[in-house]
């Protein structure tokens, strides 16, 4: 049964997946730095990071904009906010589905991989729209609209693992195919919230050898052990499970992160909109 909660993916003020957020933030930091620089915000801009997690992007924005700016991060999870602490940003425990700011407060509202956690994303976007100053922008970013590639040498294994992840995810949270597919309609959500959609693009996050420490930590801890691991076994055939283990076990001869031909692709779709 689909949850009617405002947080259908089980988020609560006590829930924490800070390690996962930290590793993803470090992994994608090179792409975010380029993206944020292109925003060309004026000195003294006021920025809100909705669903800031452990604050990687929040602090990056503050560093880019300088001391004249005001950067605020909000997150439902108190453990995430404790991990995000720093001198140059303001952090508030707040629910993204019920914003708590005055109208016309921010020049930019940034939100990455958050809107899909809300039961009513269009209403949340309407609240964000109200919090924008004249000429302000909302920028939504969402991962995974296109299939990721982990095993460039084995497309069927990539497909099997992706399907297993989706099945696990839907069963865990009691979701339907429609529930998980709706996030792809970001443009339509922005339009229904009476926002004028501007630039829409999909960035390719691409990694080959040599992998950085942040890359390896993301793949090993967040993907191989966290998102995959033993919990996918029931959704794979014995042959698929063994092929997966042969690729993601560090002791295996074919450990994918040690292959010279390792080539990873994933995407981040970015939509900008104005009131």
C-alpha atoms as a PDB file:
ATOM      1  CA  UNK A   1       0.000   0.000   0.000  1.00  0.00           C
ATOM      2  CA  UNK A   2       1.347   3.453  -0.902  1.00  0.00           C
ATOM      3  CA  UNK A   3       2.085   5.611   2.091  1.00  0.00           C
ATOM      4  CA  UNK A   4       0.001   8.769   2.505  1.00  0.00           C
ATOM      5  CA  UNK A   5       2.709  10.360   4.626  1.00  0.00           C
ATOM      6  CA  UNK A   6       4.282  13.660   3.605  1.00  0.00           C
ATOM      7  CA  UNK A   7       7.509  11.622   3.484  1.00  0.00           C
ATOM      8  CA  UNK A   8       6.788   8.406   1.559  1.00  0.00           C
ATOM      9  CA  UNK A   9      10.444   7.311   1.640  1.00  0.00           C
ATOM     10  CA  UNK A  10      10.474   7.041   5.414  1.00  0.00           C
ATOM     11  CA  UNK A  11      12.311  10.253   6.324  1.00  0.00           C
ATOM     12  CA  UNK A  12      12.019  11.376   9.952  1.00  0.00           C
ATOM     13  CA  UNK A  13      13.812  13.947  12.144  1.00  0.00           C
ATOM     14  CA  UNK A  14      15.888  11.107  13.635  1.00  0.00           C
ATOM     15  CA  UNK A  15      16.702   9.159  10.472  1.00  0.00           C
ATOM     16  CA  UNK A  16      20.266   9.465   9.209  1.00  0.00           C
ATOM     17  CA  UNK A  17      22.131   8.362   6.118  1.00  0.00           C
ATOM     18  CA  UNK A  18      24.850  10.957   6.603  1.00  0.00           C
ATOM     19  CA  UNK A  19      27.681   8.720   5.404  1.00  0.00           C
ATOM     20  CA  UNK A  20      25.939   8.054   2.108  1.00  0.00           C
ATOM     21  CA  UNK A  21      25.278  11.767   1.573  1.00  0.00           C
ATOM     22  CA  UNK A  22      28.849  12.686   2.478  1.00  0.00           C
ATOM     23  CA  UNK A  23      30.330  10.228  -0.007  1.00  0.00           C
ATOM     24  CA  UNK A  24      27.944  11.261  -2.798  1.00  0.00           C
ATOM     25  CA  UNK A  25      28.721  14.932  -2.184  1.00  0.00           C
ATOM     26  CA  UNK A  26      32.483  14.369  -2.341  1.00  0.00           C
ATOM     27  CA  UNK A  27      32.081  12.227  -5.445  1.00  0.00           C
ATOM     28  CA  UNK A  28      30.061  14.772  -7.411  1.00  0.00           C
ATOM     29  CA  UNK A  29      31.829  17.885  -6.070  1.00  0.00           C
ATOM     30  CA  UNK A  30      33.818  18.535  -9.299  1.00  0.00           C
ATOM     31  CA  UNK A  31      30.616  18.751 -11.339  1.00  0.00           C
ATOM     32  CA  UNK A  32      28.826  20.858  -8.718  1.00  0.00           C
ATOM     33  CA  UNK A  33      31.642  23.425  -8.602  1.00  0.00           C
ATOM     34  CA  UNK A  34      31.341  24.004 -12.341  1.00  0.00           C
ATOM     35  CA  UNK A  35      27.548  24.151 -12.175  1.00  0.00           C
ATOM     36  CA  UNK A  36      27.466  26.604  -9.265  1.00  0.00           C
ATOM     37  CA  UNK A  37      29.966  28.920 -10.926  1.00  0.00           C
ATOM     38  CA  UNK A  38      27.600  29.174 -13.910  1.00  0.00           C
ATOM     39  CA  UNK A  39      24.792  30.530 -11.706  1.00  0.00           C
ATOM     40  CA  UNK A  40      26.591  33.915 -11.754  1.00  0.00           C
ATOM     41  CA  UNK A  41      24.917  35.116  -8.559  1.00  0.00           C
ATOM     42  CA  UNK A  42      25.552  38.718  -7.470  1.00  0.00           C
ATOM     43  CA  UNK A  43      27.485  39.641  -4.307  1.00  0.00           C
ATOM     44  CA  UNK A  44      25.241  39.509  -1.284  1.00  0.00           C
ATOM     45  CA  UNK A  45      22.887  36.931  -2.782  1.00  0.00           C
ATOM     46  CA  UNK A  46      20.609  34.981  -0.452  1.00  0.00           C
ATOM     47  CA  UNK A  47      20.543  31.245  -1.198  1.00  0.00           C
ATOM     48  CA  UNK A  48      18.503  28.387   0.258  1.00  0.00           C
ATOM     49  CA  UNK A  49      19.594  24.735  -0.007  1.00  0.00           C
ATOM     50  CA  UNK A  50      16.451  22.609   0.438  1.00  0.00           C
ATOM     51  CA  UNK A  51      17.325  19.143   1.695  1.00  0.00           C
ATOM     52  CA  UNK A  52      20.916  20.129   2.394  1.00  0.00           C
ATOM     53  CA  UNK A  53      21.892  16.795   3.961  1.00  0.00           C
ATOM     54  CA  UNK A  54      25.403  17.000   5.402  1.00  0.00           C
ATOM     55  CA  UNK A  55      25.986  20.373   3.761  1.00  0.00           C
ATOM     56  CA  UNK A  56      28.531  19.622   1.035  1.00  0.00           C
ATOM     57  CA  UNK A  57      26.723  21.792  -1.541  1.00  0.00           C
ATOM     58  CA  UNK A  58      25.687  24.343   1.085  1.00  0.00           C
ATOM     59  CA  UNK A  59      29.261  25.061   2.109  1.00  0.00           C
ATOM     60  CA  UNK A  60      30.395  25.007  -1.512  1.00  0.00           C
ATOM     61  CA  UNK A  61      27.868  27.726  -2.364  1.00  0.00           C
ATOM     62  CA  UNK A  62      28.933  29.818   0.631  1.00  0.00           C
ATOM     63  CA  UNK A  63      32.597  29.556  -0.339  1.00  0.00           C
ATOM     64  CA  UNK A  64      31.841  30.483  -3.938  1.00  0.00           C
ATOM     65  CA  UNK A  65      29.676  33.501  -3.054  1.00  0.00           C
ATOM     66  CA  UNK A  66      31.866  34.940  -0.312  1.00  0.00           C
ATOM     67  CA  UNK A  67      31.167  36.600   3.029  1.00  0.00           C
ATOM     68  CA  UNK A  68      28.609  39.085   1.697  1.00  0.00           C
ATOM     69  CA  UNK A  69      26.214  36.290   0.808  1.00  0.00           C
ATOM     70  CA  UNK A  70      23.696  34.558   3.052  1.00  0.00           C
ATOM     71  CA  UNK A  71      23.439  30.803   2.569  1.00  0.00           C
ATOM     72  CA  UNK A  72      20.868  28.764   4.494  1.00  0.00           C
ATOM     73  CA  UNK A  73      20.525  24.979   4.510  1.00  0.00           C
ATOM     74  CA  UNK A  74      17.462  23.114   5.722  1.00  0.00           C
ATOM     75  CA  UNK A  75      16.974  19.416   6.349  1.00  0.00           C
ATOM     76  CA  UNK A  76      14.465  17.308   8.247  1.00  0.00           C
ATOM     77  CA  UNK A  77      17.170  15.124   9.804  1.00  0.00           C
ATOM     78  CA  UNK A  78      18.912  16.465  12.881  1.00  0.00           C
ATOM     79  CA  UNK A  79      21.852  14.032  12.505  1.00  0.00           C
ATOM     80  CA  UNK A  80      22.417  15.392   8.997  1.00  0.00           C
ATOM     81  CA  UNK A  81      22.450  18.958  10.293  1.00  0.00           C
ATOM     82  CA  UNK A  82      24.936  18.062  13.046  1.00  0.00           C
ATOM     83  CA  UNK A  83      27.230  16.663  10.341  1.00  0.00           C
ATOM     84  CA  UNK A  84      26.772  19.817   8.234  1.00  0.00           C
ATOM     85  CA  UNK A  85      27.843  22.335  10.881  1.00  0.00           C
ATOM     86  CA  UNK A  86      30.174  25.126   9.818  1.00  0.00           C
ATOM     87  CA  UNK A  87      30.814  28.804  10.431  1.00  0.00           C
ATOM     88  CA  UNK A  88      29.732  30.240   7.090  1.00  0.00           C
ATOM     89  CA  UNK A  89      26.214  28.876   6.683  1.00  0.00           C
ATOM     90  CA  UNK A  90      22.975  28.930   8.671  1.00  0.00           C
ATOM     91  CA  UNK A  91      21.400  25.521   9.224  1.00  0.00           C
ATOM     92  CA  UNK A  92      17.805  24.914  10.236  1.00  0.00           C
ATOM     93  CA  UNK A  93      15.822  21.790  10.951  1.00  0.00           C
ATOM     94  CA  UNK A  94      12.818  22.213   8.686  1.00  0.00           C
ATOM     95  CA  UNK A  95      10.435  20.182   6.564  1.00  0.00           C
ATOM     96  CA  UNK A  96      10.841  20.763   2.818  1.00  0.00           C
ATOM     97  CA  UNK A  97       7.113  20.104   2.415  1.00  0.00           C
ATOM     98  CA  UNK A  98       6.305  23.020   4.770  1.00  0.00           C
ATOM     99  CA  UNK A  99       8.747  25.868   4.232  1.00  0.00           C
ATOM    100  CA  UNK A 100       9.037  28.322   7.110  1.00  0.00           C
ATOM    101  CA  UNK A 101      10.392  31.463   5.407  1.00  0.00           C
ATOM    102  CA  UNK A 102       8.865  34.832   4.611  1.00  0.00           C
ATOM    103  CA  UNK A 103       7.922  35.588   1.042  1.00  0.00           C
ATOM    104  CA  UNK A 104      10.583  37.144  -1.199  1.00  0.00           C
ATOM    105  CA  UNK A 105      13.548  36.020   0.894  1.00  0.00           C
ATOM    106  CA  UNK A 106      15.922  34.238  -1.516  1.00  0.00           C
ATOM    107  CA  UNK A 107      17.609  34.911  -4.845  1.00  0.00           C
ATOM    108  CA  UNK A 108      18.248  31.213  -5.473  1.00  0.00           C
ATOM    109  CA  UNK A 109      16.717  28.025  -4.119  1.00  0.00           C
ATOM    110  CA  UNK A 110      18.788  24.911  -4.829  1.00  0.00           C
ATOM    111  CA  UNK A 111      17.472  21.403  -4.196  1.00  0.00           C
ATOM    112  CA  UNK A 112      19.216  18.187  -5.206  1.00  0.00           C
ATOM    113  CA  UNK A 113      17.679  14.697  -4.933  1.00  0.00           C
ATOM    114  CA  UNK A 114      15.071  15.961  -2.486  1.00  0.00           C
ATOM    115  CA  UNK A 115      11.804  16.653  -4.299  1.00  0.00           C
ATOM    116  CA  UNK A 116      11.285  12.909  -4.856  1.00  0.00           C
ATOM    117  CA  UNK A 117      11.132  12.456  -1.066  1.00  0.00           C
ATOM    118  CA  UNK A 118       7.936  14.537  -0.821  1.00  0.00           C
ATOM    119  CA  UNK A 119       4.371  13.288  -1.229  1.00  0.00           C
ATOM    120  CA  UNK A 120       3.234  16.608  -2.769  1.00  0.00           C
ATOM    121  CA  UNK A 121       6.213  18.063  -4.652  1.00  0.00           C
ATOM    122  CA  UNK A 122       4.094  20.589  -6.577  1.00  0.00           C
ATOM    123  CA  UNK A 123       2.849  22.233  -3.376  1.00  0.00           C
ATOM    124  CA  UNK A 124       6.418  22.303  -2.057  1.00  0.00           C
ATOM    125  CA  UNK A 125       7.493  24.063  -5.261  1.00  0.00           C
ATOM    126  CA  UNK A 126       4.691  26.614  -4.846  1.00  0.00           C
ATOM    127  CA  UNK A 127       6.027  27.388  -1.369  1.00  0.00           C
ATOM    128  CA  UNK A 128       9.530  27.748  -2.798  1.00  0.00           C
ATOM    129  CA  UNK A 129       8.184  30.076  -5.482  1.00  0.00           C
ATOM    130  CA  UNK A 130       6.679  32.314  -2.801  1.00  0.00           C
ATOM    131  CA  UNK A 131      10.039  32.481  -1.019  1.00  0.00           C
ATOM    132  CA  UNK A 132      11.802  33.829  -4.140  1.00  0.00           C
ATOM    133  CA  UNK A 133      12.709  37.458  -4.573  1.00  0.00           C
ATOM    134  CA  UNK A 134      11.714  39.112  -7.868  1.00  0.00           C
ATOM    135  CA  UNK A 135      13.917  37.602 -10.563  1.00  0.00           C
ATOM    136  CA  UNK A 136      14.954  34.723  -8.322  1.00  0.00           C
ATOM    137  CA  UNK A 137      15.431  31.146  -9.473  1.00  0.00           C
ATOM    138  CA  UNK A 138      14.634  27.645  -8.327  1.00  0.00           C
ATOM    139  CA  UNK A 139      17.147  25.047  -9.508  1.00  0.00           C
ATOM    140  CA  UNK A 140      16.214  21.388  -9.100  1.00  0.00           C
ATOM    141  CA  UNK A 141      18.740  18.610  -9.653  1.00  0.00           C
ATOM    142  CA  UNK A 142      17.891  14.940  -9.810  1.00  0.00           C
ATOM    143  CA  UNK A 143      20.067  11.887 -10.402  1.00  0.00           C
ATOM    144  CA  UNK A 144      19.388   8.861 -12.523  1.00  0.00           C
ATOM    145  CA  UNK A 145      16.933   9.800 -15.267  1.00  0.00           C
ATOM    146  CA  UNK A 146      19.128   7.771 -17.621  1.00  0.00           C
ATOM    147  CA  UNK A 147      20.519   4.303 -16.800  1.00  0.00           C
ATOM    148  CA  UNK A 148      23.894   4.275 -15.093  1.00  0.00           C
ATOM    149  CA  UNK A 149      26.833   2.267 -16.419  1.00  0.00           C
ATOM    150  CA  UNK A 150      29.062   0.492 -13.913  1.00  0.00           C
ATOM    151  CA  UNK A 151      30.188  -2.506 -15.922  1.00  0.00           C
ATOM    152  CA  UNK A 152      31.060  -1.191 -19.379  1.00  0.00           C
ATOM    153  CA  UNK A 153      32.075  -4.738 -20.345  1.00  0.00           C
ATOM    154  CA  UNK A 154      28.803  -6.375 -19.229  1.00  0.00           C
ATOM    155  CA  UNK A 155      25.622  -4.511 -20.184  1.00  0.00           C
ATOM    156  CA  UNK A 156      23.289  -7.413 -19.198  1.00  0.00           C
ATOM    157  CA  UNK A 157      24.704  -7.354 -15.660  1.00  0.00           C
ATOM    158  CA  UNK A 158      24.162  -3.595 -15.454  1.00  0.00           C
ATOM    159  CA  UNK A 159      20.547  -4.121 -16.534  1.00  0.00           C
ATOM    160  CA  UNK A 160      19.962  -6.947 -14.040  1.00  0.00           C
ATOM    161  CA  UNK A 161      21.402  -5.002 -11.100  1.00  0.00           C
ATOM    162  CA  UNK A 162      19.410  -1.888 -11.985  1.00  0.00           C
ATOM    163  CA  UNK A 163      16.190  -3.922 -12.153  1.00  0.00           C
ATOM    164  CA  UNK A 164      16.981  -5.598  -8.817  1.00  0.00           C
ATOM    165  CA  UNK A 165      17.562  -2.200  -7.174  1.00  0.00           C
ATOM    166  CA  UNK A 166      14.214  -0.908  -8.433  1.00  0.00           C
ATOM    167  CA  UNK A 167      12.368  -3.994  -7.192  1.00  0.00           C
ATOM    168  CA  UNK A 168      13.987  -3.773  -3.759  1.00  0.00           C
ATOM    169  CA  UNK A 169      13.220  -0.057  -3.518  1.00  0.00           C
ATOM    170  CA  UNK A 170       9.557  -0.446  -4.419  1.00  0.00           C
ATOM    171  CA  UNK A 171       9.023  -3.356  -2.032  1.00  0.00           C
ATOM    172  CA  UNK A 172      10.760  -1.613   0.861  1.00  0.00           C
ATOM    173  CA  UNK A 173       8.642   1.543   0.629  1.00  0.00           C
ATOM    174  CA  UNK A 174       5.409   0.059  -0.729  1.00  0.00           C
ATOM    175  CA  UNK A 175       5.624   1.999  -3.983  1.00  0.00           C
ATOM    176  CA  UNK A 176       4.205   1.340  -7.428  1.00  0.00           C
ATOM    177  CA  UNK A 177       5.895   1.826 -10.782  1.00  0.00           C
ATOM    178  CA  UNK A 178       3.979   5.090 -11.198  1.00  0.00           C
ATOM    179  CA  UNK A 179       5.229   6.330  -7.821  1.00  0.00           C
ATOM    180  CA  UNK A 180       8.859   5.891  -8.779  1.00  0.00           C
ATOM    181  CA  UNK A 181       8.433   7.158 -12.343  1.00  0.00           C
ATOM    182  CA  UNK A 182       6.739  10.476 -11.567  1.00  0.00           C
ATOM    183  CA  UNK A 183       9.980  12.197 -10.570  1.00  0.00           C
ATOM    184  CA  UNK A 184      11.019  12.156 -14.220  1.00  0.00           C
ATOM    185  CA  UNK A 185       8.374  14.839 -14.823  1.00  0.00           C
ATOM    186  CA  UNK A 186      10.367  17.657 -13.233  1.00  0.00           C
ATOM    187  CA  UNK A 187       9.482  20.105 -16.001  1.00  0.00           C
ATOM    188  CA  UNK A 188       5.781  19.403 -15.570  1.00  0.00           C
ATOM    189  CA  UNK A 189       6.012  19.750 -11.779  1.00  0.00           C
ATOM    190  CA  UNK A 190       7.618  23.168 -12.143  1.00  0.00           C
ATOM    191  CA  UNK A 191       4.960  24.238 -14.624  1.00  0.00           C
ATOM    192  CA  UNK A 192       2.115  23.066 -12.375  1.00  0.00           C
ATOM    193  CA  UNK A 193       3.658  25.132  -9.585  1.00  0.00           C
ATOM    194  CA  UNK A 194       3.272  28.168 -11.906  1.00  0.00           C
ATOM    195  CA  UNK A 195       6.967  28.552 -12.519  1.00  0.00           C
ATOM    196  CA  UNK A 196       8.489  29.542 -15.842  1.00  0.00           C
ATOM    197  CA  UNK A 197      10.909  26.816 -16.868  1.00  0.00           C
ATOM    198  CA  UNK A 198      14.187  28.010 -18.330  1.00  0.00           C
ATOM    199  CA  UNK A 199      17.313  26.028 -18.975  1.00  0.00           C
ATOM    200  CA  UNK A 200      17.027  22.252 -18.662  1.00  0.00           C
ATOM    201  CA  UNK A 201      20.078  20.058 -19.153  1.00  0.00           C
ATOM    202  CA  UNK A 202      21.520  16.738 -18.129  1.00  0.00           C
ATOM    203  CA  UNK A 203      25.108  16.606 -16.952  1.00  0.00           C
ATOM    204  CA  UNK A 204      27.145  13.449 -17.444  1.00  0.00           C
ATOM    205  CA  UNK A 205      29.196  12.384 -14.436  1.00  0.00           C
ATOM    206  CA  UNK A 206      31.961  10.251 -15.909  1.00  0.00           C
ATOM    207  CA  UNK A 207      34.844   8.417 -14.270  1.00  0.00           C
ATOM    208  CA  UNK A 208      37.739   6.412 -15.683  1.00  0.00           C
ATOM    209  CA  UNK A 209      41.114   5.441 -14.237  1.00  0.00           C
ATOM    210  CA  UNK A 210      42.796   6.754 -12.202  1.00  0.00           C
ATOM    211  CA  UNK A 211      39.982   6.969  -9.689  1.00  0.00           C
ATOM    212  CA  UNK A 212      40.232   9.481  -6.862  1.00  0.00           C
ATOM    213  CA  UNK A 213      39.875   8.545  -3.206  1.00  0.00           C
ATOM    214  CA  UNK A 214      36.403  10.140  -3.229  1.00  0.00           C
ATOM    215  CA  UNK A 215      35.434   8.089  -6.292  1.00  0.00           C
ATOM    216  CA  UNK A 216      36.494   4.795  -4.732  1.00  0.00           C
ATOM    217  CA  UNK A 217      34.783   5.579  -1.414  1.00  0.00           C
ATOM    218  CA  UNK A 218      31.523   6.356  -3.221  1.00  0.00           C
ATOM    219  CA  UNK A 219      31.599   3.201  -5.325  1.00  0.00           C
ATOM    220  CA  UNK A 220      32.775   0.842  -2.579  1.00  0.00           C
ATOM    221  CA  UNK A 221      30.799   2.072   0.429  1.00  0.00           C
ATOM    222  CA  UNK A 222      27.714   3.780  -0.990  1.00  0.00           C
ATOM    223  CA  UNK A 223      27.019   1.614  -4.038  1.00  0.00           C
ATOM    224  CA  UNK A 224      28.631  -1.804  -3.629  1.00  0.00           C
ATOM    225  CA  UNK A 225      28.015  -2.219   0.134  1.00  0.00           C
ATOM    226  CA  UNK A 226      25.123   0.175   0.694  1.00  0.00           C
ATOM    227  CA  UNK A 227      22.832   0.238  -2.319  1.00  0.00           C
ATOM    228  CA  UNK A 228      23.689  -3.284  -3.516  1.00  0.00           C
ATOM    229  CA  UNK A 229      25.169  -5.889  -1.212  1.00  0.00           C
ATOM    230  CA  UNK A 230      23.332  -8.867   0.189  1.00  0.00           C
ATOM    231  CA  UNK A 231      19.919  -7.246  -0.080  1.00  0.00           C
ATOM    232  CA  UNK A 232      19.927  -7.634  -3.869  1.00  0.00           C
ATOM    233  CA  UNK A 233      20.540 -11.398  -3.797  1.00  0.00           C
ATOM    234  CA  UNK A 234      16.800 -12.324  -3.772  1.00  0.00           C
ATOM    235  CA  UNK A 235      16.231 -10.266  -6.927  1.00  0.00           C
ATOM    236  CA  UNK A 236      19.039 -11.792  -9.006  1.00  0.00           C
ATOM    237  CA  UNK A 237      19.549 -15.249 -10.470  1.00  0.00           C
ATOM    238  CA  UNK A 238      22.421 -17.278  -8.952  1.00  0.00           C
ATOM    239  CA  UNK A 239      24.536 -16.594 -12.046  1.00  0.00           C
ATOM    240  CA  UNK A 240      23.828 -12.851 -11.906  1.00  0.00           C
ATOM    241  CA  UNK A 241      24.599 -12.747  -8.183  1.00  0.00           C
ATOM    242  CA  UNK A 242      27.923 -14.494  -8.714  1.00  0.00           C
ATOM    243  CA  UNK A 243      28.815 -12.163 -11.600  1.00  0.00           C
ATOM    244  CA  UNK A 244      28.047  -9.192  -9.394  1.00  0.00           C
ATOM    245  CA  UNK A 245      30.226 -10.523  -6.567  1.00  0.00           C
ATOM    246  CA  UNK A 246      33.071 -11.155  -9.008  1.00  0.00           C
ATOM    247  CA  UNK A 247      32.960  -7.483  -9.960  1.00  0.00           C
ATOM    248  CA  UNK A 248      32.501  -5.780  -6.585  1.00  0.00           C
ATOM    249  CA  UNK A 249      34.509  -7.914  -4.140  1.00  0.00           C
ATOM    250  CA  UNK A 250      37.963  -6.327  -3.626  1.00  0.00           C
ATOM    251  CA  UNK A 251      39.553  -9.786  -3.302  1.00  0.00           C
ATOM    252  CA  UNK A 252      38.126 -10.971  -6.627  1.00  0.00           C
ATOM    253  CA  UNK A 253      40.455 -11.177  -9.614  1.00  0.00           C
ATOM    254  CA  UNK A 254      38.030  -9.150 -11.698  1.00  0.00           C
ATOM    255  CA  UNK A 255      37.375  -6.401  -9.113  1.00  0.00           C
ATOM    256  CA  UNK A 256      35.962  -3.640 -11.291  1.00  0.00           C
ATOM    257  CA  UNK A 257      37.640  -0.671  -9.573  1.00  0.00           C
ATOM    258  CA  UNK A 258      41.067  -2.156 -10.319  1.00  0.00           C
ATOM    259  CA  UNK A 259      40.387  -2.748 -14.000  1.00  0.00           C
ATOM    260  CA  UNK A 260      42.227  -0.479 -16.400  1.00  0.00           C
ATOM    261  CA  UNK A 261      39.123  -0.341 -18.588  1.00  0.00           C
ATOM    262  CA  UNK A 262      36.817   0.803 -15.769  1.00  0.00           C
ATOM    263  CA  UNK A 263      34.399   3.385 -17.179  1.00  0.00           C
ATOM    264  CA  UNK A 264      31.456   4.745 -15.205  1.00  0.00           C
ATOM    265  CA  UNK A 265      28.613   6.978 -16.385  1.00  0.00           C
ATOM    266  CA  UNK A 266      25.726   8.501 -14.478  1.00  0.00           C
ATOM    267  CA  UNK A 267      23.621  11.616 -14.976  1.00  0.00           C
ATOM    268  CA  UNK A 268      22.377  14.637 -13.055  1.00  0.00           C
ATOM    269  CA  UNK A 269      19.428  16.463 -14.613  1.00  0.00           C
ATOM    270  CA  UNK A 270      19.218  20.165 -13.749  1.00  0.00           C
ATOM    271  CA  UNK A 271      16.098  22.296 -14.284  1.00  0.00           C
ATOM    272  CA  UNK A 272      16.044  26.071 -13.708  1.00  0.00           C
ATOM    273  CA  UNK A 273      12.801  27.999 -13.275  1.00  0.00           C
ATOM    274  CA  UNK A 274      11.616  31.471 -12.296  1.00  0.00           C
ATOM    275  CA  UNK A 275       8.401  32.802 -10.824  1.00  0.00           C
END
